[in-house]
Amino acid sequence: MAIITAFSMMGVFFLIGLYVAGALGVLSLVMMQAFSDANLWNILGNKAWESNTNFILVAVPLFLLMGELMLRSGMGERMYGALSRWLVFLPGGLLHTNIASCAVFAACSGSSVATSATISRVSLPSFRQRGYSERLVIGSLAAGGTLGILIPPSIGLIIYGVLVEESIGRLYMGGFLPGFLLAFMMILMMVVT
C-alpha cells in the first residue's frame, strides 16, 4: 500500500512540475505522517539537532580557515616556489609543481575547492609569464584539485564518517596511500607524455 501510494504521489508531483528535491521532501513528510506511529515534528527536531551537534563537524570550518590562512599569509606562494625548485629536473616543468602543490595543500586544507583556488591563484601568473598553454595548465590544476577529496584531512571523509558512523581516523588511514599514489601517478603520466 505504501509503495503504491509513494509512486502515485511521485507521478503526480512530477506531472505538476515540482522539482525532484521538493517532490522527495514533500513525499517523505506525507509518508511519515501517514504510515508512522511516531510524532513527525518530534522526529524532525531530534534529527536536525543530532546531526548538527556532532563535535567532529567542528573540524570542517577549521580546515577551511587553515587553507585561507595559508593563502593570505603567503605560505602558499613560498610552498609553490620551493616545490618548483625541487621538481625542476622532471620534464614538463611547472606542471609537476601544480600536482605536488595540490597534494601538499590538500593535506593542509582538506578541501578540493580551496586547493584548486589557492594553487591556481599562485601558479597562473608564473605560467603566463613563461608562455605555457593555458589548457594544459588548467587541466593539471583541475586534476590536482581533486586530490583534496582523498588526501587526509579531507572534509569529504569527515562528513562521510559522520553520516555512516565510521571512524574518521580509519578513513584517514584508508585515504592516505591512495591519495599520494594518485598524485604520483599524475606526475608520472605527465613525465611519460
Protein backbone atom coordinates (compact mmCIF):
# COMPACT_ATOMS: atom_id res chain seq x y z
CA MET A 1 0.00 0.00 0.00
CA ALA A 2 2.74 2.43 0.98
CA ILE A 3 4.76 1.76 -2.18
CA ILE A 4 1.77 2.26 -4.47
CA THR A 5 0.94 5.50 -2.66
CA ALA A 6 4.55 6.72 -2.94
CA PHE A 7 4.81 6.00 -6.66
CA SER A 8 1.48 7.57 -7.46
CA MET A 9 2.31 10.70 -5.44
CA MET A 10 5.71 10.98 -7.18
CA GLY A 11 3.98 10.73 -10.55
CA VAL A 12 1.56 13.50 -9.61
CA PHE A 13 4.38 15.71 -8.25
CA PHE A 14 6.39 15.31 -11.44
CA LEU A 15 3.38 15.95 -13.68
CA ILE A 16 2.64 19.26 -11.93
CA GLY A 17 6.27 20.29 -12.40
CA LEU A 18 7.62 20.06 -8.85
CA TYR A 19 11.41 19.80 -8.62
CA VAL A 20 12.84 16.40 -7.69
CA ALA A 21 14.21 17.60 -4.34
CA GLY A 22 10.90 19.23 -3.44
CA ALA A 23 8.93 16.18 -4.53
CA LEU A 24 11.08 13.86 -2.42
CA GLY A 25 10.85 16.18 0.58
CA VAL A 26 7.07 16.51 0.42
CA LEU A 27 6.69 12.80 -0.27
CA SER A 28 8.81 11.84 2.75
CA LEU A 29 6.84 14.17 5.04
CA VAL A 30 3.48 12.87 3.83
CA MET A 31 4.58 9.24 4.05
CA MET A 32 5.98 9.68 7.55
CA GLN A 33 2.78 11.34 8.73
CA ALA A 34 0.55 8.71 7.16
CA PHE A 35 2.47 5.49 7.86
CA SER A 36 4.50 6.18 11.02
CA ASP A 37 3.39 5.81 14.63
CA ALA A 38 5.85 8.41 15.95
CA ASN A 39 5.13 12.12 16.09
CA LEU A 40 6.54 13.66 12.91
CA TRP A 41 7.55 17.00 14.41
CA ASN A 42 9.48 15.39 17.27
CA ILE A 43 11.38 13.21 14.82
CA LEU A 44 12.30 16.18 12.62
CA GLY A 45 13.51 18.26 15.54
CA ASN A 46 15.57 15.46 17.06
CA LYS A 47 17.18 14.52 13.75
CA ALA A 48 18.13 18.11 12.96
CA TRP A 49 19.59 18.58 16.43
CA GLU A 50 21.53 15.29 16.49
CA SER A 51 23.12 15.72 13.08
CA ASN A 52 24.23 19.31 13.67
CA THR A 53 25.65 18.91 17.19
CA ASN A 54 28.26 16.29 16.34
CA PHE A 55 31.60 17.54 17.66
CA ILE A 56 33.53 16.05 14.73
CA LEU A 57 31.94 18.57 12.36
CA VAL A 58 33.85 21.36 14.13
CA ALA A 59 36.86 20.33 12.04
CA VAL A 60 35.23 21.40 8.75
CA PRO A 61 35.35 25.20 9.23
CA LEU A 62 38.75 24.93 10.89
CA PHE A 63 40.26 23.21 7.84
CA LEU A 64 38.78 25.90 5.60
CA LEU A 65 40.25 28.54 7.92
CA MET A 66 43.67 26.89 7.71
CA GLY A 67 43.55 26.94 3.92
CA GLU A 68 42.57 30.61 3.91
CA LEU A 69 45.37 31.47 6.34
CA MET A 70 47.88 29.69 4.12
CA LEU A 71 46.70 31.72 1.15
CA ARG A 72 46.63 35.10 2.91
CA SER A 73 49.95 34.66 4.70
CA GLY A 74 51.87 33.96 1.50
CA MET A 75 52.79 30.47 2.65
CA GLY A 76 51.14 29.01 -0.46
CA GLU A 77 53.41 31.06 -2.72
CA ARG A 78 56.51 30.05 -0.78
CA MET A 79 55.43 26.39 -0.89
CA TYR A 80 54.89 26.60 -4.65
CA GLY A 81 58.29 28.19 -5.16
CA ALA A 82 60.06 25.53 -3.10
CA LEU A 83 58.32 22.68 -4.88
CA SER A 84 59.11 24.17 -8.29
CA ARG A 85 62.81 24.15 -7.37
CA TRP A 86 62.62 20.54 -6.15
CA LEU A 87 60.85 19.26 -9.28
CA VAL A 88 62.76 21.27 -11.89
CA PHE A 89 64.59 18.15 -13.15
CA LEU A 90 61.40 16.46 -14.38
CA PRO A 91 60.31 17.01 -18.00
CA GLY A 92 57.16 19.13 -18.01
CA GLY A 93 58.46 21.89 -15.77
CA LEU A 94 55.91 23.63 -13.63
CA LEU A 95 53.09 21.22 -14.44
CA HIS A 96 54.54 18.77 -11.91
CA THR A 97 54.67 21.56 -9.39
CA ASN A 98 50.91 22.03 -9.78
CA ILE A 99 50.22 18.41 -8.85
CA ALA A 100 52.71 18.34 -5.98
CA SER A 101 51.46 21.67 -4.62
CA CYS A 102 47.87 20.48 -4.80
CA ALA A 103 48.81 17.32 -2.89
CA VAL A 104 50.62 19.27 -0.16
CA PHE A 105 47.90 21.91 0.10
CA ALA A 106 45.19 19.24 0.19
CA ALA A 107 46.98 17.74 3.18
CA CYS A 108 46.63 21.12 4.89
CA SER A 109 43.17 22.35 3.91
CA GLY A 110 41.07 19.25 3.33
CA SER A 111 39.04 20.88 0.55
CA SER A 112 39.24 20.39 -3.21
CA VAL A 113 37.78 23.82 -3.91
CA ALA A 114 40.22 25.58 -1.59
CA THR A 115 43.10 23.59 -3.07
CA SER A 116 42.21 24.45 -6.67
CA ALA A 117 41.53 28.11 -5.92
CA THR A 118 44.72 28.65 -3.93
CA ILE A 119 47.13 26.84 -6.21
CA SER A 120 45.64 28.41 -9.34
CA ARG A 121 45.90 31.87 -7.84
CA VAL A 122 49.55 31.24 -7.01
CA SER A 123 50.58 29.40 -10.18
CA LEU A 124 48.77 31.08 -13.09
CA PRO A 125 50.97 34.22 -13.14
CA SER A 126 54.09 32.02 -13.40
CA PHE A 127 52.63 30.07 -16.29
CA ARG A 128 51.51 33.17 -18.17
CA GLN A 129 54.95 34.69 -17.76
CA ARG A 130 56.62 31.59 -19.20
CA GLY A 131 54.11 31.15 -22.07
CA TYR A 132 52.66 27.74 -21.20
CA SER A 133 49.49 26.51 -22.93
CA GLU A 134 46.57 27.65 -20.78
CA ARG A 135 44.52 24.49 -21.48
CA LEU A 136 47.36 22.28 -20.27
CA VAL A 137 47.89 24.34 -17.14
CA ILE A 138 44.21 24.46 -16.19
CA GLY A 139 43.93 20.71 -16.84
CA SER A 140 46.76 19.98 -14.42
CA LEU A 141 45.20 22.31 -11.84
CA ALA A 142 41.80 20.63 -12.19
CA ALA A 143 43.33 17.17 -11.87
CA GLY A 144 45.45 18.19 -8.90
CA GLY A 145 42.50 19.85 -7.20
CA THR A 146 40.69 16.54 -6.96
CA LEU A 147 43.34 15.34 -4.52
CA GLY A 148 41.72 17.48 -1.82
CA ILE A 149 38.85 14.98 -1.54
CA LEU A 150 41.11 11.99 -0.93
CA ILE A 151 44.23 13.14 0.89
CA PRO A 152 43.63 13.47 4.65
CA PRO A 153 42.44 15.64 6.33
CA SER A 154 39.59 15.56 3.85
CA ILE A 155 36.33 17.31 4.64
CA GLY A 156 34.53 14.76 2.49
CA LEU A 157 35.91 11.91 4.60
CA ILE A 158 34.82 13.68 7.80
CA ILE A 159 31.26 14.15 6.57
CA TYR A 160 31.12 10.59 5.24
CA GLY A 161 32.42 9.23 8.54
CA VAL A 162 29.81 11.17 10.50
CA LEU A 163 26.99 10.03 8.24
CA VAL A 164 27.86 6.33 8.32
CA GLU A 165 29.23 6.42 11.88
CA GLU A 166 32.66 5.16 10.85
CA SER A 167 35.97 6.04 12.49
CA ILE A 168 37.43 9.21 10.97
CA GLY A 169 40.94 8.00 11.80
CA ARG A 170 40.40 4.79 9.87
CA LEU A 171 39.04 6.71 6.91
CA TYR A 172 42.12 8.94 7.00
CA MET A 173 44.40 5.93 7.07
CA GLY A 174 42.48 4.49 4.13
CA GLY A 175 42.74 7.71 2.11
CA PHE A 176 46.42 8.49 2.69
CA LEU A 177 48.09 5.91 0.46
CA PRO A 178 45.62 6.15 -2.48
CA GLY A 179 45.78 9.95 -2.39
CA PHE A 180 49.55 10.19 -2.64
CA LEU A 181 49.68 7.26 -5.07
CA LEU A 182 47.23 9.14 -7.30
CA ALA A 183 49.41 12.27 -7.12
CA PHE A 184 52.48 10.20 -8.04
CA MET A 185 50.63 8.61 -10.98
CA MET A 186 49.56 12.05 -12.25
CA ILE A 187 53.17 13.24 -12.16
CA LEU A 188 54.34 10.02 -13.83
CA MET A 189 51.73 10.43 -16.58
CA MET A 190 53.00 13.95 -17.30
CA VAL A 191 56.58 12.71 -17.46
CA VAL A 192 55.66 9.97 -19.95
CA THR A 193 53.55 12.22 -22.20
